[in-house]
N, C-alpha and C. Protein backbone atom coordinates (compact mmCIF):
# COMPACT_ATOMS: atom_id res chain seq x y z
N UNK A 1 8.92 -25.98 -6.66
CA UNK A 1 9.75 -24.69 -6.21
C UNK A 1 10.69 -25.17 -5.08
N UNK A 2 11.94 -24.77 -5.24
CA UNK A 2 12.77 -25.13 -4.14
C UNK A 2 12.62 -24.34 -2.97
N UNK A 3 13.02 -24.80 -1.76
CA UNK A 3 12.86 -24.23 -0.36
C UNK A 3 14.01 -23.25 -0.32
N UNK A 4 13.44 -21.91 0.02
CA UNK A 4 14.53 -20.86 0.00
C UNK A 4 15.48 -21.00 1.30
N UNK A 5 14.98 -21.75 2.22
CA UNK A 5 15.61 -22.00 3.69
C UNK A 5 16.74 -23.11 3.58
N UNK A 6 16.64 -23.81 2.45
CA UNK A 6 17.75 -24.97 2.18
C UNK A 6 19.06 -24.21 1.66
N UNK A 7 19.90 -24.59 2.41
CA UNK A 7 21.31 -23.90 1.91
C UNK A 7 22.27 -25.07 1.16
N UNK A 8 22.72 -24.55 0.15
CA UNK A 8 23.64 -25.39 -0.62
C UNK A 8 24.99 -24.83 -0.60
N UNK A 9 26.01 -25.83 -0.50
CA UNK A 9 27.43 -25.25 -0.37
C UNK A 9 27.88 -25.03 -1.87
N UNK A 10 28.73 -24.07 -1.76
CA UNK A 10 29.39 -23.51 -3.04
C UNK A 10 30.43 -24.69 -3.27
N UNK A 11 30.80 -25.06 -4.55
CA UNK A 11 32.00 -25.93 -4.91
C UNK A 11 33.24 -24.97 -5.25
N UNK A 12 34.13 -24.89 -4.38
CA UNK A 12 35.18 -23.95 -4.44
C UNK A 12 36.16 -24.92 -5.34
N UNK A 13 36.10 -26.12 -5.62
CA UNK A 13 37.12 -26.90 -6.42
C UNK A 13 37.11 -26.47 -7.95
N UNK A 14 36.09 -25.75 -8.42
CA UNK A 14 36.31 -25.45 -9.67
C UNK A 14 37.17 -24.10 -9.83
N UNK A 15 37.64 -23.54 -8.84
CA UNK A 15 38.51 -22.41 -8.82
C UNK A 15 39.91 -22.74 -8.61
N UNK A 16 40.62 -21.73 -8.82
CA UNK A 16 42.17 -21.86 -8.49
C UNK A 16 42.41 -21.91 -7.11
N UNK A 17 43.24 -22.41 -6.36
CA UNK A 17 43.27 -22.63 -4.94
C UNK A 17 43.43 -21.03 -4.20
N UNK A 18 44.07 -20.11 -4.82
CA UNK A 18 44.15 -18.97 -4.22
C UNK A 18 42.77 -18.17 -4.10
N UNK A 19 42.36 -18.19 -5.36
CA UNK A 19 41.03 -17.61 -5.48
C UNK A 19 39.86 -18.40 -4.48
N UNK A 20 39.84 -19.48 -4.43
CA UNK A 20 39.05 -20.37 -3.57
C UNK A 20 39.26 -19.98 -2.20
N UNK A 21 40.58 -19.87 -1.67
CA UNK A 21 40.85 -19.52 -0.28
C UNK A 21 40.34 -18.25 0.08
N UNK A 22 40.57 -17.30 -1.01
CA UNK A 22 40.14 -16.03 -0.63
C UNK A 22 38.56 -15.80 -0.64
N UNK A 23 37.78 -16.49 -1.56
CA UNK A 23 36.53 -16.54 -1.41
C UNK A 23 36.00 -17.23 -0.26
N UNK A 24 36.51 -18.19 0.18
CA UNK A 24 36.04 -18.85 1.41
C UNK A 24 36.33 -18.13 2.84
N UNK A 25 37.44 -17.35 2.78
CA UNK A 25 37.63 -16.66 3.93
C UNK A 25 36.60 -15.32 3.97
N UNK A 26 36.26 -14.82 2.79
CA UNK A 26 35.40 -13.73 2.46
C UNK A 26 33.89 -14.21 3.12
N UNK A 27 33.60 -15.48 2.64
CA UNK A 27 32.20 -16.07 2.92
C UNK A 27 32.17 -16.39 4.53
N UNK A 28 33.17 -16.68 5.11
CA UNK A 28 33.37 -16.95 6.61
C UNK A 28 33.19 -15.72 7.33
N UNK A 29 33.84 -14.56 6.82
CA UNK A 29 33.82 -13.37 7.54
C UNK A 29 32.26 -12.70 7.35
N UNK A 30 31.63 -12.90 6.24
CA UNK A 30 30.28 -12.36 5.99
C UNK A 30 29.51 -13.03 6.95
N UNK A 31 29.48 -14.39 7.17
CA UNK A 31 28.72 -15.27 7.88
C UNK A 31 28.71 -14.73 9.49
N UNK A 32 29.89 -14.30 9.95
CA UNK A 32 30.21 -13.71 11.20
C UNK A 32 29.32 -12.31 11.31
N UNK A 33 29.52 -11.65 10.16
CA UNK A 33 28.91 -10.32 10.31
C UNK A 33 27.38 -10.43 10.29
N UNK A 34 26.84 -11.48 9.50
CA UNK A 34 25.35 -11.60 9.55
C UNK A 34 24.95 -12.07 10.75
N UNK A 35 25.66 -13.10 11.48
CA UNK A 35 25.19 -13.45 12.90
C UNK A 35 25.12 -12.38 13.82
N UNK A 36 26.18 -11.52 13.77
CA UNK A 36 26.41 -10.27 14.74
C UNK A 36 25.23 -9.30 14.43
N UNK A 37 24.73 -9.14 13.06
CA UNK A 37 23.45 -8.39 12.76
C UNK A 37 22.27 -8.88 13.40
N UNK A 38 22.21 -10.29 13.25
CA UNK A 38 20.82 -10.77 13.72
C UNK A 38 20.78 -10.70 15.46
N UNK A 39 21.94 -10.84 15.84
CA UNK A 39 22.04 -10.72 17.50
C UNK A 39 21.60 -9.24 17.89
N UNK A 40 22.17 -8.22 17.05
CA UNK A 40 22.03 -6.93 17.42
C UNK A 40 20.61 -6.58 17.01
N UNK A 41 19.71 -6.96 15.94
CA UNK A 41 18.52 -6.84 15.66
C UNK A 41 17.66 -7.29 16.84
N UNK A 42 18.04 -8.58 17.32
CA UNK A 42 17.16 -9.03 18.66
C UNK A 42 17.41 -8.23 19.70
N UNK A 43 18.56 -7.86 19.88
CA UNK A 43 18.85 -6.95 21.08
C UNK A 43 18.05 -5.62 21.04
N UNK A 44 17.85 -5.20 19.78
CA UNK A 44 17.25 -3.90 19.72
C UNK A 44 15.68 -4.08 20.06
N UNK A 45 15.24 -5.27 19.56
CA UNK A 45 13.83 -5.58 19.93
C UNK A 45 13.64 -5.89 21.22
N UNK A 46 14.46 -6.63 22.11
CA UNK A 46 14.35 -6.59 23.54
C UNK A 46 14.40 -5.47 24.25
N UNK A 47 15.00 -4.46 23.79
CA UNK A 47 15.17 -3.09 24.51
C UNK A 47 13.76 -2.30 24.24
N UNK A 48 13.22 -2.37 22.97
CA UNK A 48 11.96 -1.81 22.67
C UNK A 48 10.86 -2.37 23.51
């Protein structure tokens, strides 16, 4: 069974350049939001 914590990168080369750029930008924005969410959850825990 594969380790669920191992990240694999998406191969954007199979997409047209415009779509690849758009999806890469969206993935980057999502990663920032997830990081902010984790930081906020930790802060909530600290305040409890």
